[in-house]
Amino acid sequence: MEKETLDKLGSFLSENKGKRKFTQSVELAVNFTGWDMSKQQNRLNLEVRLPNGKGKAQKVLVFADDKNVSEKAEAAGARVVGTASMQGMVNDKAAMGQLLSHELLAQPAMMPQIAKLFGQFLGPRNKMPKPLIGADVGGAVTGITKSIYIRSKGKYLPTVHCIVGNEGMEPSMIAANIDEVMGALVKRMGSKQYIKSAYVKLTMSKPMRIV
């Protein structure tokens, strides 16, 4: 992000922070031109790992039966659910609701059973677990707490929205997160020419244009 834009962002955040009784998220809206999202090949489904995270604690749940995986997941602060506990969750509204408040990971071998039990509930909400690949379980748990997902939705309007931090973060940290998102979008589309504009706002503030 150029210094002029960073200074503008810093002033905007300073003017709007602390005005609510809760910590506001910082949100990014990007509008596109010449990119038809009604075409399936143009629809977005990106995972972007924010270098500075989302600025809030994120709970993680790992579906795992392997003891080694479970121990590593718990050591990284994740909640672990095994196959034996999954069936009992299906008819428990509170337990199912809690799944939505967690980022979800799962051992690949458990994915078919998870799809069978939870697919109709999690699928439409874009909350199906991400397969846990590799031995770095702790890294996967930490990484998913910093990840956001950018997806084309609904009527496939030429716009996307995502969280890039919160008002308690330094402007430079939020700027780095924004740069990561914009870079991922340009890479997916192949050119900056498809970016029409971009706006930043706090949860309850008016937006400010940055692109």
N, C-alpha and C. Protein backbone atom coordinates (compact mmCIF):
# COMPACT_ATOMS: atom_id res chain seq x y z
N MET A 1 0.84 -1.19 0.00
CA MET A 1 0.00 0.00 0.00
C MET A 1 0.88 1.25 0.00
N GLU A 2 0.56 2.20 -0.87
CA GLU A 2 1.34 3.42 -0.95
C GLU A 2 1.17 4.25 0.32
N LYS A 3 2.20 5.06 0.62
CA LYS A 3 2.20 5.82 1.87
C LYS A 3 0.99 6.75 1.98
N GLU A 4 0.62 7.38 0.89
CA GLU A 4 -0.52 8.30 0.91
C GLU A 4 -1.80 7.57 1.32
N THR A 5 -1.98 6.39 0.75
CA THR A 5 -3.17 5.60 1.08
C THR A 5 -3.11 5.08 2.52
N LEU A 6 -1.90 4.67 2.95
CA LEU A 6 -1.73 4.21 4.33
C LEU A 6 -2.04 5.33 5.32
N ASP A 7 -1.58 6.53 5.04
CA ASP A 7 -1.87 7.68 5.91
C ASP A 7 -3.37 7.95 5.96
N LYS A 8 -3.99 7.85 4.81
CA LYS A 8 -5.44 8.06 4.72
C LYS A 8 -6.18 7.00 5.53
N LEU A 9 -5.72 5.76 5.44
CA LEU A 9 -6.32 4.67 6.20
C LEU A 9 -6.14 4.90 7.70
N GLY A 10 -4.94 5.31 8.09
CA GLY A 10 -4.66 5.56 9.50
C GLY A 10 -5.57 6.64 10.08
N SER A 11 -5.77 7.71 9.34
CA SER A 11 -6.64 8.80 9.79
C SER A 11 -8.09 8.33 9.89
N PHE A 12 -8.51 7.56 8.93
CA PHE A 12 -9.88 7.03 8.92
C PHE A 12 -10.14 6.14 10.13
N LEU A 13 -9.20 5.24 10.42
CA LEU A 13 -9.35 4.35 11.56
C LEU A 13 -9.36 5.13 12.87
N SER A 14 -8.48 6.11 12.97
CA SER A 14 -8.39 6.92 14.18
C SER A 14 -9.69 7.69 14.44
N GLU A 15 -10.29 8.20 13.38
CA GLU A 15 -11.51 8.98 13.49
C GLU A 15 -12.71 8.13 13.91
N ASN A 16 -12.69 6.86 13.55
CA ASN A 16 -13.88 6.02 13.75
C ASN A 16 -13.76 4.98 14.87
N LYS A 17 -12.57 4.75 15.39
CA LYS A 17 -12.40 3.71 16.41
C LYS A 17 -12.92 4.17 17.77
N GLY A 18 -13.32 3.20 18.57
CA GLY A 18 -13.74 3.48 19.94
C GLY A 18 -15.09 4.12 20.07
N LYS A 19 -15.88 4.15 19.01
CA LYS A 19 -17.18 4.82 19.06
C LYS A 19 -18.32 3.86 19.39
N ARG A 20 -18.00 2.59 19.55
CA ARG A 20 -19.02 1.60 19.88
C ARG A 20 -18.62 0.85 21.14
N LYS A 21 -19.58 0.13 21.71
CA LYS A 21 -19.32 -0.61 22.95
C LYS A 21 -18.72 -1.98 22.68
N PHE A 22 -18.34 -2.21 21.44
CA PHE A 22 -17.71 -3.47 21.06
C PHE A 22 -16.57 -3.14 20.12
N THR A 23 -15.68 -4.11 19.92
CA THR A 23 -14.57 -3.91 18.99
C THR A 23 -15.06 -4.15 17.58
N GLN A 24 -14.99 -3.10 16.79
CA GLN A 24 -15.50 -3.20 15.42
C GLN A 24 -14.49 -3.92 14.51
N SER A 25 -15.02 -4.67 13.58
CA SER A 25 -14.18 -5.29 12.55
C SER A 25 -13.87 -4.24 11.49
N VAL A 26 -12.76 -4.46 10.80
CA VAL A 26 -12.44 -3.65 9.63
C VAL A 26 -12.74 -4.51 8.41
N GLU A 27 -13.57 -3.98 7.53
CA GLU A 27 -14.05 -4.75 6.40
C GLU A 27 -13.60 -4.13 5.08
N LEU A 28 -13.35 -4.98 4.12
CA LEU A 28 -12.92 -4.56 2.79
C LEU A 28 -13.99 -4.97 1.78
N ALA A 29 -14.39 -4.05 0.93
CA ALA A 29 -15.31 -4.35 -0.17
C ALA A 29 -14.60 -4.03 -1.49
N VAL A 30 -14.59 -4.99 -2.39
CA VAL A 30 -13.92 -4.80 -3.69
C VAL A 30 -14.97 -4.97 -4.79
N ASN A 31 -15.01 -4.00 -5.67
CA ASN A 31 -15.94 -4.03 -6.81
C ASN A 31 -15.16 -4.28 -8.10
N PHE A 32 -15.76 -5.06 -8.98
CA PHE A 32 -15.08 -5.46 -10.21
C PHE A 32 -15.77 -4.89 -11.44
N THR A 33 -15.02 -4.82 -12.52
CA THR A 33 -15.56 -4.41 -13.80
C THR A 33 -15.02 -5.33 -14.89
N GLY A 34 -15.89 -5.71 -15.82
CA GLY A 34 -15.45 -6.58 -16.91
C GLY A 34 -15.19 -8.02 -16.50
N TRP A 35 -15.69 -8.39 -15.34
CA TRP A 35 -15.49 -9.77 -14.84
C TRP A 35 -16.87 -10.34 -14.53
N ASP A 36 -17.37 -11.17 -15.39
CA ASP A 36 -18.73 -11.69 -15.30
C ASP A 36 -18.80 -12.88 -14.36
N MET A 37 -19.28 -12.64 -13.15
CA MET A 37 -19.33 -13.71 -12.16
C MET A 37 -20.51 -14.66 -12.37
N SER A 38 -21.37 -14.35 -13.33
CA SER A 38 -22.43 -15.31 -13.65
C SER A 38 -21.86 -16.52 -14.39
N LYS A 39 -20.65 -16.36 -14.92
CA LYS A 39 -19.97 -17.48 -15.57
C LYS A 39 -19.22 -18.28 -14.52
N GLN A 40 -19.45 -19.57 -14.51
CA GLN A 40 -18.90 -20.41 -13.47
C GLN A 40 -17.38 -20.32 -13.38
N GLN A 41 -16.71 -20.20 -14.52
CA GLN A 41 -15.25 -20.14 -14.51
C GLN A 41 -14.72 -18.86 -13.89
N ASN A 42 -15.57 -17.86 -13.73
CA ASN A 42 -15.14 -16.58 -13.15
C ASN A 42 -15.50 -16.44 -11.67
N ARG A 43 -16.22 -17.39 -11.12
CA ARG A 43 -16.63 -17.28 -9.73
C ARG A 43 -15.43 -17.47 -8.80
N LEU A 44 -15.46 -16.76 -7.72
CA LEU A 44 -14.33 -16.75 -6.79
C LEU A 44 -14.55 -17.72 -5.64
N ASN A 45 -13.52 -18.43 -5.30
CA ASN A 45 -13.53 -19.32 -4.14
C ASN A 45 -12.09 -19.39 -3.63
N LEU A 46 -11.67 -18.32 -2.94
CA LEU A 46 -10.28 -18.18 -2.54
C LEU A 46 -10.12 -18.27 -1.03
N GLU A 47 -9.06 -18.92 -0.61
CA GLU A 47 -8.64 -18.88 0.79
C GLU A 47 -7.42 -17.97 0.85
N VAL A 48 -7.49 -16.95 1.68
CA VAL A 48 -6.39 -16.00 1.82
C VAL A 48 -5.96 -15.98 3.28
N ARG A 49 -4.68 -16.24 3.50
CA ARG A 49 -4.15 -16.20 4.87
C ARG A 49 -3.64 -14.79 5.14
N LEU A 50 -4.29 -14.10 6.04
CA LEU A 50 -3.89 -12.74 6.38
C LEU A 50 -2.61 -12.77 7.19
N PRO A 51 -1.58 -12.04 6.79
CA PRO A 51 -0.30 -12.08 7.51
C PRO A 51 -0.41 -11.65 8.97
N ASN A 52 -1.37 -10.78 9.27
CA ASN A 52 -1.53 -10.29 10.64
C ASN A 52 -2.82 -10.76 11.30
N GLY A 53 -3.45 -11.76 10.71
CA GLY A 53 -4.66 -12.33 11.30
C GLY A 53 -5.84 -11.38 11.26
N LYS A 54 -6.94 -11.84 11.86
CA LYS A 54 -8.18 -11.07 11.82
C LYS A 54 -8.37 -10.19 13.05
N GLY A 55 -7.41 -10.26 13.97
CA GLY A 55 -7.48 -9.40 15.14
C GLY A 55 -8.41 -9.87 16.22
N LYS A 56 -8.81 -11.11 16.17
CA LYS A 56 -9.67 -11.65 17.22
C LYS A 56 -9.36 -13.12 17.40
N ALA A 57 -9.61 -13.59 18.63
CA ALA A 57 -9.38 -15.01 18.92
C ALA A 57 -10.36 -15.85 18.12
N GLN A 58 -9.88 -16.88 17.51
CA GLN A 58 -10.71 -17.74 16.68
C GLN A 58 -10.64 -19.17 17.21
N LYS A 59 -11.79 -19.74 17.48
CA LYS A 59 -11.84 -21.11 17.99
C LYS A 59 -11.72 -22.10 16.83
N VAL A 60 -11.00 -23.18 17.10
CA VAL A 60 -10.79 -24.21 16.08
C VAL A 60 -11.24 -25.56 16.62
N LEU A 61 -11.94 -26.31 15.78
CA LEU A 61 -12.34 -27.67 16.13
C LEU A 61 -11.74 -28.62 15.10
N VAL A 62 -11.12 -29.67 15.59
CA VAL A 62 -10.48 -30.66 14.72
C VAL A 62 -11.18 -32.00 14.89
N PHE A 63 -11.67 -32.55 13.79
CA PHE A 63 -12.22 -33.90 13.80
C PHE A 63 -11.04 -34.85 13.62
N ALA A 64 -10.75 -35.65 14.65
CA ALA A 64 -9.58 -36.53 14.58
C ALA A 64 -9.78 -37.75 15.47
N ASP A 65 -9.32 -38.89 14.99
CA ASP A 65 -9.29 -40.12 15.78
C ASP A 65 -7.87 -40.51 16.15
N ASP A 66 -6.92 -40.14 15.29
CA ASP A 66 -5.52 -40.46 15.53
C ASP A 66 -5.02 -39.73 16.78
N LYS A 67 -4.49 -40.49 17.72
CA LYS A 67 -4.05 -39.92 19.00
C LYS A 67 -2.97 -38.86 18.80
N ASN A 68 -2.04 -39.12 17.90
CA ASN A 68 -0.96 -38.17 17.65
C ASN A 68 -1.50 -36.84 17.13
N VAL A 69 -2.47 -36.91 16.21
CA VAL A 69 -3.09 -35.71 15.66
C VAL A 69 -3.87 -34.99 16.75
N SER A 70 -4.62 -35.75 17.54
CA SER A 70 -5.43 -35.16 18.60
C SER A 70 -4.58 -34.41 19.61
N GLU A 71 -3.48 -35.01 20.01
CA GLU A 71 -2.61 -34.39 21.01
C GLU A 71 -2.00 -33.10 20.47
N LYS A 72 -1.57 -33.12 19.21
CA LYS A 72 -0.99 -31.92 18.61
C LYS A 72 -2.03 -30.82 18.45
N ALA A 73 -3.26 -31.21 18.08
CA ALA A 73 -4.33 -30.23 17.92
C ALA A 73 -4.68 -29.58 19.26
N GLU A 74 -4.78 -30.39 20.29
CA GLU A 74 -5.11 -29.87 21.62
C GLU A 74 -3.99 -28.98 22.14
N ALA A 75 -2.74 -29.36 21.86
CA ALA A 75 -1.60 -28.55 22.29
C ALA A 75 -1.61 -27.18 21.62
N ALA A 76 -2.20 -27.11 20.41
CA ALA A 76 -2.29 -25.84 19.68
C ALA A 76 -3.52 -25.05 20.06
N GLY A 77 -4.31 -25.59 20.99
CA GLY A 77 -5.48 -24.86 21.49
C GLY A 77 -6.79 -25.22 20.83
N ALA A 78 -6.80 -26.29 20.03
CA ALA A 78 -8.03 -26.67 19.34
C ALA A 78 -8.86 -27.64 20.18
N ARG A 79 -10.13 -27.64 19.92
CA ARG A 79 -11.03 -28.65 20.48
C ARG A 79 -11.02 -29.85 19.54
N VAL A 80 -11.04 -31.05 20.08
CA VAL A 80 -10.97 -32.26 19.25
C VAL A 80 -12.25 -33.08 19.42
N VAL A 81 -12.80 -33.53 18.30
CA VAL A 81 -13.98 -34.39 18.31
C VAL A 81 -13.66 -35.64 17.50
N GLY A 82 -13.88 -36.81 18.10
CA GLY A 82 -13.62 -38.07 17.42
C GLY A 82 -14.89 -38.66 16.84
N THR A 83 -14.73 -39.73 16.07
CA THR A 83 -15.87 -40.38 15.42
C THR A 83 -16.93 -40.80 16.43
N ALA A 84 -16.49 -41.29 17.58
CA ALA A 84 -17.43 -41.78 18.60
C ALA A 84 -18.37 -40.69 19.10
N SER A 85 -17.95 -39.44 19.03
CA SER A 85 -18.77 -38.34 19.54
C SER A 85 -19.62 -37.68 18.46
N MET A 86 -19.31 -37.97 17.21
CA MET A 86 -19.97 -37.26 16.12
C MET A 86 -21.46 -37.56 16.02
N GLN A 87 -21.84 -38.82 16.16
CA GLN A 87 -23.24 -39.21 16.01
C GLN A 87 -24.12 -38.50 17.02
N GLY A 88 -23.61 -38.34 18.24
CA GLY A 88 -24.40 -37.70 19.27
C GLY A 88 -24.61 -36.22 19.05
N MET A 89 -23.80 -35.61 18.20
CA MET A 89 -23.91 -34.19 17.94
C MET A 89 -25.04 -33.85 16.98
N VAL A 90 -25.38 -34.79 16.11
CA VAL A 90 -26.31 -34.53 15.02
C VAL A 90 -27.67 -34.02 15.51
N ASN A 91 -28.19 -34.61 16.57
CA ASN A 91 -29.51 -34.22 17.08
C ASN A 91 -29.44 -33.25 18.25
N ASP A 92 -28.26 -32.69 18.46
CA ASP A 92 -28.05 -31.73 19.54
C ASP A 92 -27.90 -30.34 18.92
N LYS A 93 -28.97 -29.52 19.01
CA LYS A 93 -28.96 -28.21 18.36
C LYS A 93 -27.84 -27.32 18.86
N ALA A 94 -27.57 -27.39 20.16
CA ALA A 94 -26.50 -26.56 20.73
C ALA A 94 -25.15 -26.96 20.17
N ALA A 95 -24.91 -28.28 20.09
CA ALA A 95 -23.64 -28.78 19.58
C ALA A 95 -23.47 -28.42 18.10
N MET A 96 -24.54 -28.51 17.33
CA MET A 96 -24.47 -28.17 15.91
C MET A 96 -24.22 -26.67 15.74
N GLY A 97 -24.86 -25.89 16.58
CA GLY A 97 -24.65 -24.45 16.52
C GLY A 97 -23.22 -24.06 16.84
N GLN A 98 -22.60 -24.80 17.76
CA GLN A 98 -21.21 -24.52 18.13
C GLN A 98 -20.26 -24.77 16.97
N LEU A 99 -20.60 -25.67 16.08
CA LEU A 99 -19.75 -25.93 14.92
C LEU A 99 -19.58 -24.65 14.09
N LEU A 100 -20.62 -23.86 14.03
CA LEU A 100 -20.59 -22.64 13.22
C LEU A 100 -19.69 -21.57 13.82
N SER A 101 -19.41 -21.67 15.11
CA SER A 101 -18.56 -20.66 15.76
C SER A 101 -17.09 -21.08 15.77
N HIS A 102 -16.78 -22.21 15.14
CA HIS A 102 -15.41 -22.70 15.08
C HIS A 102 -14.93 -22.74 13.63
N GLU A 103 -13.63 -22.61 13.46
CA GLU A 103 -13.00 -22.99 12.20
C GLU A 103 -12.79 -24.50 12.27
N LEU A 104 -13.08 -25.21 11.19
CA LEU A 104 -13.10 -26.66 11.23
C LEU A 104 -12.00 -27.30 10.37
N LEU A 105 -11.33 -28.27 10.97
CA LEU A 105 -10.34 -29.09 10.27
C LEU A 105 -10.70 -30.56 10.51
N ALA A 106 -10.24 -31.43 9.64
CA ALA A 106 -10.56 -32.85 9.82
C ALA A 106 -9.51 -33.73 9.17
N GLN A 107 -9.26 -34.88 9.79
CA GLN A 107 -8.44 -35.89 9.15
C GLN A 107 -9.14 -36.33 7.86
N PRO A 108 -8.43 -36.44 6.75
CA PRO A 108 -9.06 -36.80 5.47
C PRO A 108 -9.91 -38.06 5.54
N ALA A 109 -9.46 -39.05 6.29
CA ALA A 109 -10.20 -40.32 6.35
C ALA A 109 -11.58 -40.17 6.98
N MET A 110 -11.77 -39.08 7.72
CA MET A 110 -13.05 -38.87 8.39
C MET A 110 -14.02 -38.04 7.55
N MET A 111 -13.56 -37.49 6.45
CA MET A 111 -14.39 -36.59 5.66
C MET A 111 -15.69 -37.24 5.14
N PRO A 112 -15.67 -38.50 4.65
CA PRO A 112 -16.92 -39.10 4.19
C PRO A 112 -17.97 -39.19 5.28
N GLN A 113 -17.56 -39.58 6.48
CA GLN A 113 -18.51 -39.68 7.59
C GLN A 113 -19.00 -38.30 8.02
N ILE A 114 -18.11 -37.32 8.00
CA ILE A 114 -18.50 -35.94 8.34
C ILE A 114 -19.51 -35.43 7.32
N ALA A 115 -19.27 -35.71 6.05
CA ALA A 115 -20.20 -35.28 5.00
C ALA A 115 -21.56 -35.93 5.18
N LYS A 116 -21.57 -37.19 5.56
CA LYS A 116 -22.82 -37.92 5.75
C LYS A 116 -23.62 -37.35 6.91
N LEU A 117 -22.93 -37.04 8.02
CA LEU A 117 -23.62 -36.60 9.23
C LEU A 117 -23.92 -35.09 9.22
N PHE A 118 -22.97 -34.31 8.74
CA PHE A 118 -23.09 -32.87 8.88
C PHE A 118 -23.20 -32.10 7.57
N GLY A 119 -23.09 -32.81 6.44
CA GLY A 119 -23.03 -32.14 5.15
C GLY A 119 -24.21 -31.22 4.87
N GLN A 120 -25.44 -31.68 5.17
CA GLN A 120 -26.62 -30.87 4.87
C GLN A 120 -26.67 -29.62 5.75
N PHE A 121 -26.05 -29.68 6.91
CA PHE A 121 -26.04 -28.54 7.83
C PHE A 121 -24.89 -27.58 7.51
N LEU A 122 -23.69 -28.14 7.33
CA LEU A 122 -22.51 -27.31 7.13
C LEU A 122 -22.33 -26.85 5.69
N GLY A 123 -22.69 -27.70 4.74
CA GLY A 123 -22.46 -27.40 3.33
C GLY A 123 -23.06 -26.08 2.88
N PRO A 124 -24.37 -25.86 3.06
CA PRO A 124 -24.99 -24.61 2.62
C PRO A 124 -24.42 -23.37 3.31
N ARG A 125 -23.76 -23.57 4.45
CA ARG A 125 -23.18 -22.46 5.20
C ARG A 125 -21.69 -22.28 4.91
N ASN A 126 -21.18 -23.04 3.93
CA ASN A 126 -19.76 -22.99 3.56
C ASN A 126 -18.86 -23.26 4.77
N LYS A 127 -19.26 -24.23 5.59
CA LYS A 127 -18.51 -24.52 6.81
C LYS A 127 -17.98 -25.95 6.85
N MET A 128 -17.96 -26.65 5.73
CA MET A 128 -17.39 -27.99 5.74
C MET A 128 -15.91 -27.92 6.14
N PRO A 129 -15.44 -28.89 6.93
CA PRO A 129 -14.05 -28.84 7.41
C PRO A 129 -13.04 -28.87 6.28
N LYS A 130 -11.93 -28.23 6.52
CA LYS A 130 -10.81 -28.29 5.59
C LYS A 130 -10.00 -29.54 5.92
N PRO A 131 -9.66 -30.37 4.95
CA PRO A 131 -8.86 -31.57 5.23
C PRO A 131 -7.52 -31.22 5.85
N LEU A 132 -7.14 -31.96 6.85
CA LEU A 132 -5.88 -31.73 7.55
C LEU A 132 -4.79 -32.54 6.86
N ILE A 133 -3.97 -31.86 6.09
CA ILE A 133 -2.94 -32.52 5.29
C ILE A 133 -1.56 -32.24 5.90
N GLY A 134 -0.74 -33.28 6.02
CA GLY A 134 0.62 -33.10 6.51
C GLY A 134 0.74 -33.28 8.01
N ALA A 135 1.97 -33.25 8.46
CA ALA A 135 2.26 -33.54 9.86
C ALA A 135 2.22 -32.31 10.76
N ASP A 136 2.22 -31.11 10.15
CA ASP A 136 2.26 -29.88 10.95
C ASP A 136 0.85 -29.49 11.40
N VAL A 137 0.34 -30.24 12.37
CA VAL A 137 -1.02 -30.02 12.86
C VAL A 137 -1.12 -28.65 13.53
N GLY A 138 -0.12 -28.33 14.35
CA GLY A 138 -0.12 -27.04 15.03
C GLY A 138 -0.13 -25.89 14.06
N GLY A 139 0.65 -25.99 12.99
CA GLY A 139 0.69 -24.95 11.97
C GLY A 139 -0.63 -24.81 11.26
N ALA A 140 -1.31 -25.92 11.02
CA ALA A 140 -2.61 -25.89 10.36
C ALA A 140 -3.65 -25.21 11.25
N VAL A 141 -3.60 -25.50 12.54
CA VAL A 141 -4.54 -24.88 13.49
C VAL A 141 -4.30 -23.37 13.54
N THR A 142 -3.04 -22.98 13.65
CA THR A 142 -2.71 -21.55 13.68
C THR A 142 -3.07 -20.87 12.37
N GLY A 143 -2.78 -21.54 11.26
CA GLY A 143 -3.03 -20.95 9.95
C GLY A 143 -4.49 -20.70 9.68
N ILE A 144 -5.37 -21.61 10.07
CA ILE A 144 -6.78 -21.46 9.75
C ILE A 144 -7.42 -20.31 10.52
N THR A 145 -6.83 -19.96 11.67
CA THR A 145 -7.35 -18.83 12.42
C THR A 145 -7.04 -17.51 11.73
N LYS A 146 -6.07 -17.52 10.82
CA LYS A 146 -5.70 -16.30 10.09
C LYS A 146 -6.31 -16.26 8.69
N SER A 147 -7.01 -17.30 8.32
CA SER A 147 -7.51 -17.40 6.95
C SER A 147 -8.92 -16.82 6.81
N ILE A 148 -9.15 -16.18 5.68
CA ILE A 148 -10.48 -15.74 5.30
C ILE A 148 -10.81 -16.39 3.97
N TYR A 149 -12.10 -16.41 3.65
CA TYR A 149 -12.53 -17.05 2.42
C TYR A 149 -13.33 -16.04 1.59
N ILE A 150 -12.94 -15.90 0.35
CA ILE A 150 -13.59 -14.96 -0.56
C ILE A 150 -14.34 -15.77 -1.60
N ARG A 151 -15.67 -15.67 -1.55
CA ARG A 151 -16.49 -16.48 -2.45
C ARG A 151 -17.54 -15.64 -3.14
N SER A 152 -17.80 -15.96 -4.39
CA SER A 152 -18.92 -15.35 -5.10
C SER A 152 -20.21 -15.92 -4.52
N LYS A 153 -21.19 -15.05 -4.29
CA LYS A 153 -22.41 -15.50 -3.64
C LYS A 153 -23.66 -15.00 -4.35
N GLY A 154 -24.77 -15.58 -3.97
CA GLY A 154 -26.09 -15.08 -4.36
C GLY A 154 -26.27 -14.88 -5.84
N LYS A 155 -26.54 -13.65 -6.21
CA LYS A 155 -26.81 -13.31 -7.61
C LYS A 155 -25.53 -13.06 -8.40
N TYR A 156 -24.39 -13.39 -7.80
CA TYR A 156 -23.09 -13.24 -8.45
C TYR A 156 -22.85 -11.81 -8.93
N LEU A 157 -23.16 -10.88 -8.02
CA LEU A 157 -22.87 -9.48 -8.30
C LEU A 157 -21.36 -9.28 -8.35
N PRO A 158 -20.89 -8.28 -9.10
CA PRO A 158 -19.44 -8.07 -9.25
C PRO A 158 -18.81 -7.38 -8.04
N THR A 159 -18.93 -8.00 -6.89
CA THR A 159 -18.37 -7.44 -5.66
C THR A 159 -18.13 -8.54 -4.64
N VAL A 160 -17.14 -8.34 -3.78
CA VAL A 160 -16.90 -9.27 -2.67
C VAL A 160 -16.60 -8.45 -1.41
N HIS A 161 -16.88 -9.05 -0.27
CA HIS A 161 -16.62 -8.41 1.02
C HIS A 161 -15.87 -9.38 1.92
N CYS A 162 -14.99 -8.86 2.75
CA CYS A 162 -14.27 -9.73 3.69
C CYS A 162 -13.74 -8.90 4.85
N ILE A 163 -13.41 -9.58 5.95
CA ILE A 163 -12.81 -8.94 7.11
C ILE A 163 -11.29 -8.89 6.92
N VAL A 164 -10.69 -7.77 7.27
CA VAL A 164 -9.23 -7.65 7.15
C VAL A 164 -8.58 -7.20 8.47
N GLY A 165 -9.33 -7.29 9.56
CA GLY A 165 -8.77 -6.93 10.86
C GLY A 165 -9.81 -6.34 11.77
N ASN A 166 -9.37 -5.67 12.83
CA ASN A 166 -10.29 -4.94 13.68
C ASN A 166 -9.68 -3.61 14.09
N GLU A 167 -10.48 -2.77 14.71
CA GLU A 167 -10.08 -1.40 14.99
C GLU A 167 -8.93 -1.30 15.99
N GLY A 168 -8.63 -2.37 16.70
CA GLY A 168 -7.53 -2.34 17.66
C GLY A 168 -6.16 -2.59 17.05
N MET A 169 -6.14 -2.96 15.77
CA MET A 169 -4.88 -3.26 15.10
C MET A 169 -4.24 -1.99 14.54
N GLU A 170 -2.92 -2.02 14.39
CA GLU A 170 -2.21 -0.90 13.79
C GLU A 170 -2.58 -0.78 12.31
N PRO A 171 -2.69 0.45 11.81
CA PRO A 171 -3.01 0.64 10.39
C PRO A 171 -2.07 -0.11 9.45
N SER A 172 -0.79 -0.18 9.79
CA SER A 172 0.17 -0.88 8.93
C SER A 172 -0.14 -2.37 8.83
N MET A 173 -0.65 -2.94 9.93
CA MET A 173 -1.01 -4.36 9.94
C MET A 173 -2.24 -4.61 9.08
N ILE A 174 -3.22 -3.72 9.18
CA ILE A 174 -4.42 -3.84 8.36
C ILE A 174 -4.07 -3.64 6.90
N ALA A 175 -3.19 -2.67 6.62
CA ALA A 175 -2.76 -2.41 5.25
C ALA A 175 -2.11 -3.65 4.64
N ALA A 176 -1.28 -4.33 5.42
CA ALA A 176 -0.63 -5.55 4.91
C ALA A 176 -1.66 -6.62 4.61
N ASN A 177 -2.69 -6.72 5.45
CA ASN A 177 -3.77 -7.69 5.19
C ASN A 177 -4.53 -7.34 3.92
N ILE A 178 -4.82 -6.05 3.74
CA ILE A 178 -5.51 -5.60 2.52
C ILE A 178 -4.68 -5.91 1.28
N ASP A 179 -3.38 -5.64 1.35
CA ASP A 179 -2.50 -5.92 0.22
C ASP A 179 -2.52 -7.41 -0.13
N GLU A 180 -2.58 -8.26 0.90
CA GLU A 180 -2.62 -9.71 0.66
C GLU A 180 -3.89 -10.10 -0.08
N VAL A 181 -5.01 -9.53 0.34
CA VAL A 181 -6.29 -9.83 -0.31
C VAL A 181 -6.29 -9.32 -1.75
N MET A 182 -5.87 -8.08 -1.94
CA MET A 182 -5.87 -7.50 -3.29
C MET A 182 -4.94 -8.28 -4.21
N GLY A 183 -3.79 -8.69 -3.66
CA GLY A 183 -2.85 -9.48 -4.46
C GLY A 183 -3.44 -10.81 -4.88
N ALA A 184 -4.18 -11.45 -3.97
CA ALA A 184 -4.80 -12.74 -4.28
C ALA A 184 -5.87 -12.57 -5.36
N LEU A 185 -6.63 -11.48 -5.30
CA LEU A 185 -7.67 -11.24 -6.30
C LEU A 185 -7.06 -10.98 -7.67
N VAL A 186 -6.03 -10.14 -7.71
CA VAL A 186 -5.38 -9.84 -8.99
C VAL A 186 -4.76 -11.10 -9.59
N LYS A 187 -4.14 -11.91 -8.75
CA LYS A 187 -3.55 -13.16 -9.24
C LYS A 187 -4.61 -14.08 -9.81
N ARG A 188 -5.75 -14.18 -9.13
CA ARG A 188 -6.83 -15.04 -9.62
C ARG A 188 -7.38 -14.54 -10.95
N MET A 189 -7.51 -13.23 -11.09
CA MET A 189 -8.11 -12.67 -12.30
C MET A 189 -7.10 -12.45 -13.42
N GLY A 190 -5.83 -12.34 -13.04
CA GLY A 190 -4.79 -12.19 -14.04
C GLY A 190 -4.44 -10.76 -14.40
N SER A 191 -5.17 -9.78 -13.84
CA SER A 191 -4.88 -8.39 -14.17
C SER A 191 -5.58 -7.45 -13.19
N LYS A 192 -4.96 -6.29 -12.94
CA LYS A 192 -5.57 -5.26 -12.09
C LYS A 192 -6.74 -4.58 -12.78
N GLN A 193 -6.84 -4.74 -14.09
CA GLN A 193 -7.85 -4.01 -14.84
C GLN A 193 -9.27 -4.37 -14.42
N TYR A 194 -9.42 -5.52 -13.78
CA TYR A 194 -10.75 -5.95 -13.36
C TYR A 194 -11.17 -5.35 -12.01
N ILE A 195 -10.25 -4.70 -11.32
CA ILE A 195 -10.57 -4.06 -10.05
C ILE A 195 -11.10 -2.67 -10.33
N LYS A 196 -12.37 -2.45 -10.07
CA LYS A 196 -12.99 -1.15 -10.32
C LYS A 196 -12.76 -0.18 -9.16
N SER A 197 -12.93 -0.68 -7.94
CA SER A 197 -12.77 0.15 -6.75
C SER A 197 -12.69 -0.74 -5.52
N ALA A 198 -12.21 -0.17 -4.42
CA ALA A 198 -12.15 -0.89 -3.15
C ALA A 198 -12.42 0.11 -2.02
N TYR A 199 -13.18 -0.34 -1.04
CA TYR A 199 -13.56 0.50 0.08
C TYR A 199 -13.26 -0.21 1.40
N VAL A 200 -12.91 0.58 2.41
CA VAL A 200 -12.70 0.07 3.75
C VAL A 200 -13.74 0.70 4.67
N LYS A 201 -14.25 -0.07 5.60
CA LYS A 201 -15.17 0.46 6.59
C LYS A 201 -15.04 -0.32 7.89
N LEU A 202 -15.41 0.32 8.99
CA LEU A 202 -15.58 -0.38 10.25
C LEU A 202 -17.01 -0.90 10.29
N THR A 203 -17.30 -1.80 11.21
CA THR A 203 -18.62 -2.42 11.26
C THR A 203 -19.76 -1.41 11.16
N MET A 204 -19.63 -0.29 11.90
CA MET A 204 -20.71 0.68 11.98
C MET A 204 -20.37 2.03 11.36
N SER A 205 -19.33 2.08 10.57
CA SER A 205 -18.92 3.36 9.98
C SER A 205 -19.34 3.45 8.51
N LYS A 206 -19.20 4.65 7.97
CA LYS A 206 -19.35 4.82 6.54
C LYS A 206 -18.08 4.32 5.85
N PRO A 207 -18.18 3.92 4.59
CA PRO A 207 -16.98 3.42 3.89
C PRO A 207 -16.07 4.53 3.41
N MET A 208 -14.81 4.18 3.23
CA MET A 208 -13.82 5.09 2.66
C MET A 208 -13.15 4.40 1.47
N ARG A 209 -13.07 5.09 0.36
CA ARG A 209 -12.48 4.50 -0.84
C ARG A 209 -10.97 4.52 -0.74
N ILE A 210 -10.33 3.39 -1.08
CA ILE A 210 -8.88 3.31 -1.08
C ILE A 210 -8.32 2.98 -2.46
N VAL A 211 -9.17 2.51 -3.36
CA VAL A 211 -8.77 2.22 -4.74
C VAL A 211 -9.82 2.80 -5.69
